[in-house]
């Protein structure tokens, strides 16, 4: 949510993508697991508020888009 100011969030589930502009503390955006997201386009002085289900663990996140796409593919044996 944009506590102050505004910014954009691009989300991608591997099949489709969409961009949301958050500009009010009354707006929130739920990003479920395995959805690539990029937060950008911050207006000067903007503050982004984040509510998470657990403590941040850097090992829980993909940093390379190609690795994210690979994780979405069905596993074959």
Protein backbone atom coordinates (compact mmCIF):
# COMPACT_ATOMS: atom_id res chain seq x y z
CA UNK A 1 0.00 0.00 0.00
CA UNK A 2 1.11 3.55 -0.62
CA UNK A 3 1.21 5.10 2.83
CA UNK A 4 2.36 8.34 1.22
CA UNK A 5 2.69 9.19 -2.47
CA UNK A 6 2.38 6.66 -5.27
CA UNK A 7 4.27 3.91 -7.06
CA UNK A 8 3.73 1.06 -9.49
CA UNK A 9 3.82 -2.70 -8.99
CA UNK A 10 4.29 -5.03 -11.96
CA UNK A 11 3.19 -8.63 -11.32
CA UNK A 12 3.76 -11.70 -13.50
CA UNK A 13 2.57 -15.26 -12.93
CA UNK A 14 4.56 -16.76 -15.80
CA UNK A 15 1.60 -16.58 -18.21
CA UNK A 16 0.41 -13.00 -17.95
CA UNK A 17 1.48 -9.72 -16.44
CA UNK A 18 -0.21 -6.61 -15.15
CA UNK A 19 0.82 -3.25 -13.68
CA UNK A 20 -0.97 -1.66 -10.72
CA UNK A 21 -0.50 1.91 -9.55
CA UNK A 22 -0.97 2.30 -5.81
CA UNK A 23 -1.66 5.83 -4.66
CA UNK A 24 -3.65 5.64 -1.45
CA UNK A 25 -3.37 3.97 1.96
CA UNK A 26 -6.89 2.66 1.24
CA UNK A 27 -5.53 0.49 -1.60
CA UNK A 28 -3.64 -2.73 -1.08
CA UNK A 29 -2.30 -5.41 -3.37
CA UNK A 30 -2.06 -9.07 -2.40
CA UNK A 31 0.82 -10.83 -4.14
CA UNK A 32 0.56 -14.60 -3.60
CA UNK A 33 3.52 -17.00 -3.63
CA UNK A 34 5.20 -17.69 -6.98
CA UNK A 35 4.21 -14.36 -8.52
CA UNK A 36 7.14 -12.30 -9.77
CA UNK A 37 6.78 -8.66 -8.75
CA UNK A 38 8.69 -5.45 -9.27
CA UNK A 39 8.01 -2.24 -7.35
CA UNK A 40 9.09 0.92 -9.19
CA UNK A 41 8.15 4.42 -10.28
CA UNK A 42 8.10 5.94 -6.82
CA UNK A 43 6.97 9.55 -6.67
CA UNK A 44 9.27 11.72 -4.52
CA UNK A 45 8.65 11.17 -0.81
CA UNK A 46 6.59 8.00 -1.30
CA UNK A 47 6.39 5.38 1.44
CA UNK A 48 5.50 1.76 0.64
CA UNK A 49 3.84 -0.25 3.42
CA UNK A 50 4.22 -4.05 3.37
CA UNK A 51 2.35 -6.61 5.46
CA UNK A 52 3.86 -10.10 5.35
CA UNK A 53 2.83 -13.50 6.68
CA UNK A 54 6.25 -14.16 8.20
CA UNK A 55 9.72 -12.80 8.81
CA UNK A 56 11.83 -11.96 5.78
CA UNK A 57 14.16 -14.74 4.69
CA UNK A 58 16.26 -13.92 1.62
CA UNK A 59 16.49 -17.62 0.74
CA UNK A 60 12.72 -17.70 0.12
CA UNK A 61 12.94 -15.43 -2.94
CA UNK A 62 13.96 -15.82 -6.57
CA UNK A 63 16.31 -13.08 -7.72
CA UNK A 64 16.70 -14.20 -11.34
CA UNK A 65 13.61 -14.18 -13.56
CA UNK A 66 14.68 -17.27 -15.54
CA UNK A 67 15.00 -19.28 -12.29
CA UNK A 68 11.50 -18.14 -11.34
CA UNK A 69 10.12 -19.35 -14.68
CA UNK A 70 11.91 -22.68 -14.25
CA UNK A 71 10.26 -23.12 -10.83
CA UNK A 72 6.83 -22.73 -12.44
CA UNK A 73 7.35 -25.54 -14.96
CA UNK A 74 5.83 -28.89 -14.08
CA UNK A 75 8.43 -31.36 -12.92
CA UNK A 76 8.76 -34.53 -15.01
CA UNK A 77 10.35 -37.76 -13.84
